[in-house]
């Protein structure tokens, strides 16, 4: 079994990115928007790994950037879920429209 080429990995990464963008711009639920951001970050990780494997196979920069992004995404998800839980407790909804009341 052969490994996929750079073009196939970049196609999958672009598909993940645009699915994430579509989900972020069309959904009003904060949890689905958070999941869309995670899809976008995973597409970036896939790009780092693909370019590291096919363009610069002797360097480890892509892997280090990917690990850094995974750590940042985990921290971002924890903070975002905490904010969403507090929003749900105060407004009984995780809809973006109800989050406008938090401005003032």
PDB file of N, CA and C in Angstrom:
ATOM      1  N   UNK A   1       0.846  -1.180   0.000  1.00  0.00           N
ATOM      2  CA  UNK A   1       0.000   0.000   0.000  1.00  0.00           C
ATOM      3  C   UNK A   1       0.888   1.240   0.000  1.00  0.00           C
ATOM      4  N   UNK A   2       0.601   2.139  -0.907  1.00  0.00           N
ATOM      5  CA  UNK A   2       1.414   3.340  -1.026  1.00  0.00           C
ATOM      6  C   UNK A   2       0.799   4.479  -0.216  1.00  0.00           C
ATOM      7  N   UNK A   3       1.656   5.364   0.211  1.00  0.00           N
ATOM      8  CA  UNK A   3       1.157   6.523   0.951  1.00  0.00           C
ATOM      9  C   UNK A   3       0.618   7.555  -0.044  1.00  0.00           C
ATOM     10  N   UNK A   4      -0.356   8.355   0.392  1.00  0.00           N
ATOM     11  CA  UNK A   4      -0.902   9.369  -0.522  1.00  0.00           C
ATOM     12  C   UNK A   4       0.136  10.440  -0.829  1.00  0.00           C
ATOM     13  N   UNK A   5       0.012  11.023  -1.994  1.00  0.00           N
ATOM     14  CA  UNK A   5       0.938  12.071  -2.410  1.00  0.00           C
ATOM     15  C   UNK A   5       0.574  13.409  -1.793  1.00  0.00           C
ATOM     16  N   UNK A   6       1.434  14.380  -2.066  1.00  0.00           N
ATOM     17  CA  UNK A   6       1.240  15.717  -1.520  1.00  0.00           C
ATOM     18  C   UNK A   6      -0.066  16.335  -2.017  1.00  0.00           C
ATOM     19  N   UNK A   7      -0.407  16.106  -3.285  1.00  0.00           N
ATOM     20  CA  UNK A   7      -1.613  16.698  -3.837  1.00  0.00           C
ATOM     21  C   UNK A   7      -2.865  16.180  -3.146  1.00  0.00           C
ATOM     22  N   UNK A   8      -2.901  14.871  -2.863  1.00  0.00           N
ATOM     23  CA  UNK A   8      -4.070  14.298  -2.193  1.00  0.00           C
ATOM     24  C   UNK A   8      -4.219  14.839  -0.766  1.00  0.00           C
ATOM     25  N   UNK A   9      -3.106  14.967  -0.062  1.00  0.00           N
ATOM     26  CA  UNK A   9      -3.163  15.487   1.303  1.00  0.00           C
ATOM     27  C   UNK A   9      -3.583  16.949   1.296  1.00  0.00           C
ATOM     28  N   UNK A  10      -3.076  17.732   0.350  1.00  0.00           N
ATOM     29  CA  UNK A  10      -3.468  19.141   0.267  1.00  0.00           C
ATOM     30  C   UNK A  10      -4.938  19.283  -0.120  1.00  0.00           C
ATOM     31  N   UNK A  11      -5.457  18.378  -0.936  1.00  0.00           N
ATOM     32  CA  UNK A  11      -6.877  18.407  -1.286  1.00  0.00           C
ATOM     33  C   UNK A  11      -7.740  18.139  -0.057  1.00  0.00           C
ATOM     34  N   UNK A  12      -7.365  17.142   0.734  1.00  0.00           N
ATOM     35  CA  UNK A  12      -8.106  16.836   1.960  1.00  0.00           C
ATOM     36  C   UNK A  12      -8.015  18.001   2.940  1.00  0.00           C
ATOM     37  N   UNK A  13      -6.840  18.603   3.031  1.00  0.00           N
ATOM     38  CA  UNK A  13      -6.661  19.742   3.923  1.00  0.00           C
ATOM     39  C   UNK A  13      -7.513  20.930   3.482  1.00  0.00           C
ATOM     40  N   UNK A  14      -7.548  21.194   2.188  1.00  0.00           N
ATOM     41  CA  UNK A  14      -8.379  22.297   1.686  1.00  0.00           C
ATOM     42  C   UNK A  14      -9.858  22.011   1.934  1.00  0.00           C
ATOM     43  N   UNK A  15     -10.272  20.757   1.755  1.00  0.00           N
ATOM     44  CA  UNK A  15     -11.665  20.397   2.020  1.00  0.00           C
ATOM     45  C   UNK A  15     -12.006  20.611   3.494  1.00  0.00           C
ATOM     46  N   UNK A  16     -11.124  20.183   4.399  1.00  0.00           N
ATOM     47  CA  UNK A  16     -11.346  20.407   5.829  1.00  0.00           C
ATOM     48  C   UNK A  16     -11.433  21.894   6.148  1.00  0.00           C
ATOM     49  N   UNK A  17     -10.557  22.673   5.540  1.00  0.00           N
ATOM     50  CA  UNK A  17     -10.544  24.108   5.791  1.00  0.00           C
ATOM     51  C   UNK A  17     -11.852  24.765   5.357  1.00  0.00           C
ATOM     52  N   UNK A  18     -12.319  24.436   4.157  1.00  0.00           N
ATOM     53  CA  UNK A  18     -13.529  25.077   3.666  1.00  0.00           C
ATOM     54  C   UNK A  18     -14.785  24.557   4.357  1.00  0.00           C
ATOM     55  N   UNK A  19     -14.786  23.305   4.798  1.00  0.00           N
ATOM     56  CA  UNK A  19     -15.896  22.807   5.613  1.00  0.00           C
ATOM     57  C   UNK A  19     -15.933  23.562   6.935  1.00  0.00           C
ATOM     58  N   UNK A  20     -14.770  23.796   7.524  1.00  0.00           N
ATOM     59  CA  UNK A  20     -14.697  24.567   8.755  1.00  0.00           C
ATOM     60  C   UNK A  20     -15.151  26.007   8.558  1.00  0.00           C
ATOM     61  N   UNK A  21     -14.737  26.623   7.473  1.00  0.00           N
ATOM     62  CA  UNK A  21     -15.163  28.002   7.201  1.00  0.00           C
ATOM     63  C   UNK A  21     -16.675  28.070   6.986  1.00  0.00           C
ATOM     64  N   UNK A  22     -17.224  27.125   6.242  1.00  0.00           N
ATOM     65  CA  UNK A  22     -18.662  27.089   5.998  1.00  0.00           C
ATOM     66  C   UNK A  22     -19.410  26.909   7.318  1.00  0.00           C
ATOM     67  N   UNK A  23     -18.942  25.990   8.153  1.00  0.00           N
ATOM     68  CA  UNK A  23     -19.588  25.766   9.439  1.00  0.00           C
ATOM     69  C   UNK A  23     -19.498  26.976  10.348  1.00  0.00           C
ATOM     70  N   UNK A  24     -18.386  27.675  10.312  1.00  0.00           N
ATOM     71  CA  UNK A  24     -18.216  28.847  11.169  1.00  0.00           C
ATOM     72  C   UNK A  24     -19.133  29.987  10.748  1.00  0.00           C
ATOM     73  N   UNK A  25     -19.282  30.202   9.442  1.00  0.00           N
ATOM     74  CA  UNK A  25     -20.070  31.336   8.975  1.00  0.00           C
ATOM     75  C   UNK A  25     -21.563  31.059   8.904  1.00  0.00           C
ATOM     76  N   UNK A  26     -21.980  29.806   8.877  1.00  0.00           N
ATOM     77  CA  UNK A  26     -23.405  29.516   8.724  1.00  0.00           C
ATOM     78  C   UNK A  26     -24.086  29.089  10.008  1.00  0.00           C
ATOM     79  N   UNK A  27     -23.373  28.677  11.018  1.00  0.00           N
ATOM     80  CA  UNK A  27     -23.995  28.197  12.253  1.00  0.00           C
ATOM     81  C   UNK A  27     -24.133  29.325  13.259  1.00  0.00           C
ATOM     82  N   UNK A  28     -25.136  29.192  14.111  1.00  0.00           N
ATOM     83  CA  UNK A  28     -25.357  30.162  15.174  1.00  0.00           C
ATOM     84  C   UNK A  28     -25.115  29.569  16.554  1.00  0.00           C
ATOM     85  N   UNK A  29     -24.842  28.294  16.626  1.00  0.00           N
ATOM     86  CA  UNK A  29     -24.573  27.622  17.890  1.00  0.00           C
ATOM     87  C   UNK A  29     -23.081  27.755  18.192  1.00  0.00           C
ATOM     88  N   UNK A  30     -22.754  28.180  19.398  1.00  0.00           N
ATOM     89  CA  UNK A  30     -21.350  28.414  19.747  1.00  0.00           C
ATOM     90  C   UNK A  30     -20.531  27.122  19.743  1.00  0.00           C
ATOM     91  N   UNK A  31     -21.130  26.012  20.099  1.00  0.00           N
ATOM     92  CA  UNK A  31     -20.381  24.745  20.127  1.00  0.00           C
ATOM     93  C   UNK A  31     -20.034  24.293  18.717  1.00  0.00           C
ATOM     94  N   UNK A  32     -20.968  24.429  17.771  1.00  0.00           N
ATOM     95  CA  UNK A  32     -20.642  24.050  16.386  1.00  0.00           C
ATOM     96  C   UNK A  32     -19.632  25.015  15.776  1.00  0.00           C
ATOM     97  N   UNK A  33     -19.672  26.279  16.202  1.00  0.00           N
ATOM     98  CA  UNK A  33     -18.659  27.219  15.725  1.00  0.00           C
ATOM     99  C   UNK A  33     -17.280  26.846  16.261  1.00  0.00           C
ATOM    100  N   UNK A  34     -17.235  26.395  17.515  1.00  0.00           N
ATOM    101  CA  UNK A  34     -15.970  25.936  18.094  1.00  0.00           C
ATOM    102  C   UNK A  34     -15.449  24.702  17.355  1.00  0.00           C
ATOM    103  N   UNK A  35     -16.347  23.786  17.012  1.00  0.00           N
ATOM    104  CA  UNK A  35     -15.934  22.600  16.252  1.00  0.00           C
ATOM    105  C   UNK A  35     -15.423  22.988  14.871  1.00  0.00           C
ATOM    106  N   UNK A  36     -16.002  24.015  14.269  1.00  0.00           N
ATOM    107  CA  UNK A  36     -15.540  24.482  12.963  1.00  0.00           C
ATOM    108  C   UNK A  36     -14.136  25.073  13.060  1.00  0.00           C
ATOM    109  N   UNK A  37     -13.865  25.804  14.124  1.00  0.00           N
ATOM    110  CA  UNK A  37     -12.516  26.339  14.324  1.00  0.00           C
ATOM    111  C   UNK A  37     -11.517  25.205  14.505  1.00  0.00           C
ATOM    112  N   UNK A  38     -11.924  24.148  15.196  1.00  0.00           N
ATOM    113  CA  UNK A  38     -11.036  22.987  15.358  1.00  0.00           C
ATOM    114  C   UNK A  38     -10.762  22.312  14.008  1.00  0.00           C
ATOM    115  N   UNK A  39     -11.754  22.258  13.126  1.00  0.00           N
ATOM    116  CA  UNK A  39     -11.523  21.714  11.784  1.00  0.00           C
ATOM    117  C   UNK A  39     -10.506  22.556  11.020  1.00  0.00           C
ATOM    118  N   UNK A  40     -10.612  23.861  11.143  1.00  0.00           N
ATOM    119  CA  UNK A  40      -9.663  24.748  10.461  1.00  0.00           C
ATOM    120  C   UNK A  40      -8.248  24.531  10.999  1.00  0.00           C
ATOM    121  N   UNK A  41      -8.118  24.430  12.305  1.00  0.00           N
ATOM    122  CA  UNK A  41      -6.794  24.191  12.894  1.00  0.00           C
ATOM    123  C   UNK A  41      -6.231  22.831  12.484  1.00  0.00           C
ATOM    124  N   UNK A  42      -7.086  21.818  12.388  1.00  0.00           N
ATOM    125  CA  UNK A  42      -6.613  20.504  11.951  1.00  0.00           C
ATOM    126  C   UNK A  42      -6.194  20.508  10.486  1.00  0.00           C
ATOM    127  N   UNK A  43      -6.831  21.327   9.661  1.00  0.00           N
ATOM    128  CA  UNK A  43      -6.384  21.413   8.273  1.00  0.00           C
ATOM    129  C   UNK A  43      -5.008  22.063   8.187  1.00  0.00           C
ATOM    130  N   UNK A  44      -4.758  23.041   9.050  1.00  0.00           N
ATOM    131  CA  UNK A  44      -3.432  23.655   9.095  1.00  0.00           C
ATOM    132  C   UNK A  44      -2.393  22.634   9.561  1.00  0.00           C
ATOM    133  N   UNK A  45      -2.757  21.837  10.565  1.00  0.00           N
ATOM    134  CA  UNK A  45      -1.842  20.794  11.034  1.00  0.00           C
ATOM    135  C   UNK A  45      -1.525  19.803   9.931  1.00  0.00           C
ATOM    136  N   UNK A  46      -2.527  19.442   9.163  1.00  0.00           N
ATOM    137  CA  UNK A  46      -2.310  18.506   8.052  1.00  0.00           C
ATOM    138  C   UNK A  46      -1.368  19.103   7.015  1.00  0.00           C
ATOM    139  N   UNK A  47      -1.489  20.402   6.761  1.00  0.00           N
ATOM    140  CA  UNK A  47      -0.561  21.070   5.837  1.00  0.00           C
ATOM    141  C   UNK A  47       0.865  21.039   6.365  1.00  0.00           C
ATOM    142  N   UNK A  48       1.043  21.346   7.656  1.00  0.00           N
ATOM    143  CA  UNK A  48       2.385  21.316   8.237  1.00  0.00           C
ATOM    144  C   UNK A  48       3.014  19.931   8.110  1.00  0.00           C
ATOM    145  N   UNK A  49       2.248  18.902   8.418  1.00  0.00           N
ATOM    146  CA  UNK A  49       2.776  17.539   8.346  1.00  0.00           C
ATOM    147  C   UNK A  49       3.093  17.149   6.906  1.00  0.00           C
ATOM    148  N   UNK A  50       2.203  17.501   5.971  1.00  0.00           N
ATOM    149  CA  UNK A  50       2.428  17.141   4.565  1.00  0.00           C
ATOM    150  C   UNK A  50       3.665  17.824   4.003  1.00  0.00           C
ATOM    151  N   UNK A  51       3.786  19.117   4.250  1.00  0.00           N
ATOM    152  CA  UNK A  51       4.966  19.809   3.727  1.00  0.00           C
ATOM    153  C   UNK A  51       6.241  19.350   4.419  1.00  0.00           C
ATOM    154  N   UNK A  52       6.135  19.005   5.685  1.00  0.00           N
ATOM    155  CA  UNK A  52       7.310  18.492   6.374  1.00  0.00           C
ATOM    156  C   UNK A  52       7.753  17.155   5.782  1.00  0.00           C
ATOM    157  N   UNK A  53       6.800  16.298   5.424  1.00  0.00           N
ATOM    158  CA  UNK A  53       7.138  14.977   4.908  1.00  0.00           C
ATOM    159  C   UNK A  53       7.645  15.024   3.474  1.00  0.00           C
ATOM    160  N   UNK A  54       7.014  15.840   2.631  1.00  0.00           N
ATOM    161  CA  UNK A  54       7.334  15.795   1.206  1.00  0.00           C
ATOM    162  C   UNK A  54       8.316  16.860   0.744  1.00  0.00           C
ATOM    163  N   UNK A  55       8.349  18.007   1.386  1.00  0.00           N
ATOM    164  CA  UNK A  55       9.221  19.078   0.906  1.00  0.00           C
ATOM    165  C   UNK A  55      10.539  19.115   1.676  1.00  0.00           C
ATOM    166  N   UNK A  56      10.464  19.004   3.012  1.00  0.00           N
ATOM    167  CA  UNK A  56      11.661  19.021   3.849  1.00  0.00           C
ATOM    168  C   UNK A  56      11.681  17.785   4.744  1.00  0.00           C
ATOM    169  N   UNK A  57      11.945  16.609   4.196  1.00  0.00           N
ATOM    170  CA  UNK A  57      11.852  15.385   5.011  1.00  0.00           C
ATOM    171  C   UNK A  57      12.938  15.264   6.083  1.00  0.00           C
ATOM    172  N   UNK A  58      14.028  15.996   5.954  1.00  0.00           N
ATOM    173  CA  UNK A  58      15.109  15.870   6.935  1.00  0.00           C
ATOM    174  C   UNK A  58      14.953  16.831   8.116  1.00  0.00           C
ATOM    175  N   UNK A  59      13.944  17.717   8.081  1.00  0.00           N
ATOM    176  CA  UNK A  59      13.726  18.666   9.165  1.00  0.00           C
ATOM    177  C   UNK A  59      12.488  18.268   9.963  1.00  0.00           C
ATOM    178  N   UNK A  60      12.400  18.749  11.199  1.00  0.00           N
ATOM    179  CA  UNK A  60      11.280  18.431  12.070  1.00  0.00           C
ATOM    180  C   UNK A  60      10.437  19.657  12.396  1.00  0.00           C
ATOM    181  N   UNK A  61      10.594  20.738  11.650  1.00  0.00           N
ATOM    182  CA  UNK A  61       9.891  21.978  11.966  1.00  0.00           C
ATOM    183  C   UNK A  61       8.382  21.819  11.895  1.00  0.00           C
ATOM    184  N   UNK A  62       7.879  21.128  10.878  1.00  0.00           N
ATOM    185  CA  UNK A  62       6.439  20.945  10.729  1.00  0.00           C
ATOM    186  C   UNK A  62       5.828  20.181  11.885  1.00  0.00           C
ATOM    187  N   UNK A  63       6.547  19.203  12.376  1.00  0.00           N
ATOM    188  CA  UNK A  63       6.034  18.432  13.515  1.00  0.00           C
ATOM    189  C   UNK A  63       5.985  19.273  14.787  1.00  0.00           C
ATOM    190  N   UNK A  64       6.996  20.100  15.000  1.00  0.00           N
ATOM    191  CA  UNK A  64       7.003  20.961  16.178  1.00  0.00           C
ATOM    192  C   UNK A  64       5.880  21.991  16.119  1.00  0.00           C
ATOM    193  N   UNK A  65       5.665  22.593  14.938  1.00  0.00           N
ATOM    194  CA  UNK A  65       4.567  23.540  14.792  1.00  0.00           C
ATOM    195  C   UNK A  65       3.225  22.854  15.028  1.00  0.00           C
ATOM    196  N   UNK A  66       3.087  21.627  14.551  1.00  0.00           N
ATOM    197  CA  UNK A  66       1.842  20.884  14.736  1.00  0.00           C
ATOM    198  C   UNK A  66       1.592  20.599  16.205  1.00  0.00           C
ATOM    199  N   UNK A  67       2.605  20.179  16.924  1.00  0.00           N
ATOM    200  CA  UNK A  67       2.436  19.938  18.357  1.00  0.00           C
ATOM    201  C   UNK A  67       2.089  21.225  19.098  1.00  0.00           C
ATOM    202  N   UNK A  68       2.694  22.325  18.692  1.00  0.00           N
ATOM    203  CA  UNK A  68       2.399  23.617  19.308  1.00  0.00           C
ATOM    204  C   UNK A  68       0.949  24.014  19.051  1.00  0.00           C
ATOM    205  N   UNK A  69       0.466  23.820  17.820  1.00  0.00           N
ATOM    206  CA  UNK A  69      -0.911  24.163  17.486  1.00  0.00           C
ATOM    207  C   UNK A  69      -1.887  23.271  18.241  1.00  0.00           C
ATOM    208  N   UNK A  70      -1.570  21.992  18.403  1.00  0.00           N
ATOM    209  CA  UNK A  70      -2.444  21.095  19.158  1.00  0.00           C
ATOM    210  C   UNK A  70      -2.541  21.557  20.606  1.00  0.00           C
ATOM    211  N   UNK A  71      -1.432  21.960  21.203  1.00  0.00           N
ATOM    212  CA  UNK A  71      -1.462  22.438  22.584  1.00  0.00           C
ATOM    213  C   UNK A  71      -2.267  23.725  22.706  1.00  0.00           C
ATOM    214  N   UNK A  72      -2.085  24.650  21.783  1.00  0.00           N
ATOM    215  CA  UNK A  72      -2.839  25.900  21.806  1.00  0.00           C
ATOM    216  C   UNK A  72      -4.323  25.634  21.573  1.00  0.00           C
ATOM    217  N   UNK A  73      -4.653  24.710  20.672  1.00  0.00           N
ATOM    218  CA  UNK A  73      -6.056  24.391  20.398  1.00  0.00           C
ATOM    219  C   UNK A  73      -6.723  23.756  21.607  1.00  0.00           C
ATOM    220  N   UNK A  74      -5.994  22.945  22.360  1.00  0.00           N
ATOM    221  CA  UNK A  74      -6.562  22.339  23.560  1.00  0.00           C
ATOM    222  C   UNK A  74      -6.854  23.410  24.609  1.00  0.00           C
ATOM    223  N   UNK A  75      -5.945  24.339  24.783  1.00  0.00           N
ATOM    224  CA  UNK A  75      -6.172  25.429  25.737  1.00  0.00           C
ATOM    225  C   UNK A  75      -7.324  26.323  25.273  1.00  0.00           C
ATOM    226  N   UNK A  76      -7.374  26.599  23.990  1.00  0.00           N
ATOM    227  CA  UNK A  76      -8.453  27.421  23.437  1.00  0.00           C
ATOM    228  C   UNK A  76      -9.792  26.743  23.616  1.00  0.00           C
ATOM    229  N   UNK A  77      -9.857  25.447  23.393  1.00  0.00           N
ATOM    230  CA  UNK A  77     -11.112  24.712  23.554  1.00  0.00           C
ATOM    231  C   UNK A  77     -11.562  24.706  25.011  1.00  0.00           C
ATOM    232  N   UNK A  78     -10.637  24.557  25.935  1.00  0.00           N
ATOM    233  CA  UNK A  78     -10.996  24.554  27.356  1.00  0.00           C
ATOM    234  C   UNK A  78     -11.558  25.905  27.780  1.00  0.00           C
ATOM    235  N   UNK A  79     -10.929  26.986  27.355  1.00  0.00           N
ATOM    236  CA  UNK A  79     -11.412  28.324  27.713  1.00  0.00           C
ATOM    237  C   UNK A  79     -12.753  28.600  27.035  1.00  0.00           C
ATOM    238  N   UNK A  80     -12.884  28.222  25.778  1.00  0.00           N
ATOM    239  CA  UNK A  80     -14.132  28.465  25.051  1.00  0.00           C
ATOM    240  C   UNK A  80     -15.288  27.673  25.650  1.00  0.00           C
ATOM    241  N   UNK A  81     -15.049  26.429  26.039  1.00  0.00           N
ATOM    242  CA  UNK A  81     -16.116  25.635  26.646  1.00  0.00           C
ATOM    243  C   UNK A  81     -16.507  26.219  27.995  1.00  0.00           C
ATOM    244  N   UNK A  82     -15.552  26.721  28.760  1.00  0.00           N
ATOM    245  CA  UNK A  82     -15.884  27.372  30.025  1.00  0.00           C
ATOM    246  C   UNK A  82     -16.746  28.610  29.797  1.00  0.00           C
ATOM    247  N   UNK A  83     -16.432  29.395  28.789  1.00  0.00           N
ATOM    248  CA  UNK A  83     -17.241  30.574  28.466  1.00  0.00           C
ATOM    249  C   UNK A  83     -18.632  30.156  28.011  1.00  0.00           C
ATOM    250  N   UNK A  84     -18.712  29.110  27.194  1.00  0.00           N
ATOM    251  CA  UNK A  84     -20.012  28.630  26.706  1.00  0.00           C
ATOM    252  C   UNK A  84     -20.866  28.115  27.862  1.00  0.00           C
ATOM    253  N   UNK A  85     -20.262  27.410  28.804  1.00  0.00           N
ATOM    254  CA  UNK A  85     -21.011  26.916  29.970  1.00  0.00           C
ATOM    255  C   UNK A  85     -21.543  28.076  30.802  1.00  0.00           C
ATOM    256  N   UNK A  86     -20.728  29.097  31.030  1.00  0.00           N
ATOM    257  CA  UNK A  86     -21.195  30.266  31.772  1.00  0.00           C
ATOM    258  C   UNK A  86     -22.295  31.012  31.021  1.00  0.00           C
ATOM    259  N   UNK A  87     -22.188  31.092  29.694  1.00  0.00           N
ATOM    260  CA  UNK A  87     -23.231  31.716  28.892  1.00  0.00           C
ATOM    261  C   UNK A  87     -24.527  30.922  28.986  1.00  0.00           C
ATOM    262  N   UNK A  88     -24.429  29.609  28.967  1.00  0.00           N
ATOM    263  CA  UNK A  88     -25.622  28.779  29.060  1.00  0.00           C
ATOM    264  C   UNK A  88     -26.272  28.922  30.437  1.00  0.00           C
ATOM    265  N   UNK A  89     -25.473  29.012  31.469  1.00  0.00           N
ATOM    266  CA  UNK A  89     -26.027  29.180  32.821  1.00  0.00           C
ATOM    267  C   UNK A  89     -26.765  30.502  32.972  1.00  0.00           C
ATOM    268  N   UNK A  90     -26.279  31.541  32.340  1.00  0.00           N
ATOM    269  CA  UNK A  90     -26.913  32.848  32.509  1.00  0.00           C
ATOM    270  C   UNK A  90     -28.067  33.084  31.533  1.00  0.00           C
ATOM    271  N   UNK A  91     -28.014  32.502  30.329  1.00  0.00           N
ATOM    272  CA  UNK A  91     -29.029  32.780  29.307  1.00  0.00           C
ATOM    273  C   UNK A  91     -29.839  31.551  28.881  1.00  0.00           C
ATOM    274  N   UNK A  92     -29.508  30.365  29.357  1.00  0.00           N
ATOM    275  CA  UNK A  92     -30.161  29.107  28.977  1.00  0.00           C
ATOM    276  C   UNK A  92     -30.145  28.885  27.459  1.00  0.00           C
ATOM    277  N   UNK A  93     -29.088  29.339  26.810  1.00  0.00           N
ATOM    278  CA  UNK A  93     -28.941  29.156  25.377  1.00  0.00           C
ATOM    279  C   UNK A  93     -27.466  29.293  25.021  1.00  0.00           C
ATOM    280  N   UNK A  94     -27.059  28.586  23.974  1.00  0.00           N
ATOM    281  CA  UNK A  94     -25.694  28.741  23.460  1.00  0.00           C
ATOM    282  C   UNK A  94     -25.736  29.349  22.063  1.00  0.00           C
ATOM    283  N   UNK A  95     -26.777  30.119  21.810  1.00  0.00           N
ATOM    284  CA  UNK A  95     -26.949  30.774  20.531  1.00  0.00           C
ATOM    285  C   UNK A  95     -26.127  32.063  20.508  1.00  0.00           C
ATOM    286  N   UNK A  96     -25.586  32.388  19.352  1.00  0.00           N
ATOM    287  CA  UNK A  96     -24.752  33.580  19.211  1.00  0.00           C
ATOM    288  C   UNK A  96     -25.577  34.843  19.446  1.00  0.00           C
ATOM    289  N   UNK A  97     -26.843  34.811  19.054  1.00  0.00           N
ATOM    290  CA  UNK A  97     -27.693  35.999  19.214  1.00  0.00           C
ATOM    291  C   UNK A  97     -27.876  36.354  20.691  1.00  0.00           C
ATOM    292  N   UNK A  98     -27.935  35.363  21.563  1.00  0.00           N
ATOM    293  CA  UNK A  98     -28.097  35.663  22.984  1.00  0.00           C
ATOM    294  C   UNK A  98     -26.790  36.138  23.615  1.00  0.00           C
ATOM    295  N   UNK A  99     -25.669  35.920  22.954  1.00  0.00           N
ATOM    296  CA  UNK A  99     -24.388  36.379  23.470  1.00  0.00           C
ATOM    297  C   UNK A  99     -24.203  37.872  23.279  1.00  0.00           C
ATOM    298  N   UNK A 100     -25.049  38.515  22.460  1.00  0.00           N
ATOM    299  CA  UNK A 100     -24.953  39.959  22.276  1.00  0.00           C
ATOM    300  C   UNK A 100     -25.298  40.706  23.554  1.00  0.00           C
ATOM    301  N   UNK A 101     -26.064  40.088  24.436  1.00  0.00           N
ATOM    302  CA  UNK A 101     -26.431  40.743  25.694  1.00  0.00           C
ATOM    303  C   UNK A 101     -25.235  40.912  26.621  1.00  0.00           C
ATOM    304  N   UNK A 102     -24.141  40.251  26.356  1.00  0.00           N
ATOM    305  CA  UNK A 102     -22.973  40.341  27.206  1.00  0.00           C
ATOM    306  C   UNK A 102     -22.097  41.553  26.892  1.00  0.00           C
ATOM    307  N   UNK A 103     -22.468  42.332  25.895  1.00  0.00           N
ATOM    308  CA  UNK A 103     -21.660  43.488  25.508  1.00  0.00           C
ATOM    309  C   UNK A 103     -21.592  44.532  26.617  1.00  0.00           C
ATOM    310  N   UNK A 104     -22.705  44.835  27.235  1.00  0.00           N
ATOM    311  CA  UNK A 104     -22.786  45.951  28.178  1.00  0.00           C
ATOM    312  C   UNK A 104     -23.018  45.460  29.576  1.00  0.00           C
TER     313      UNK A 104
END
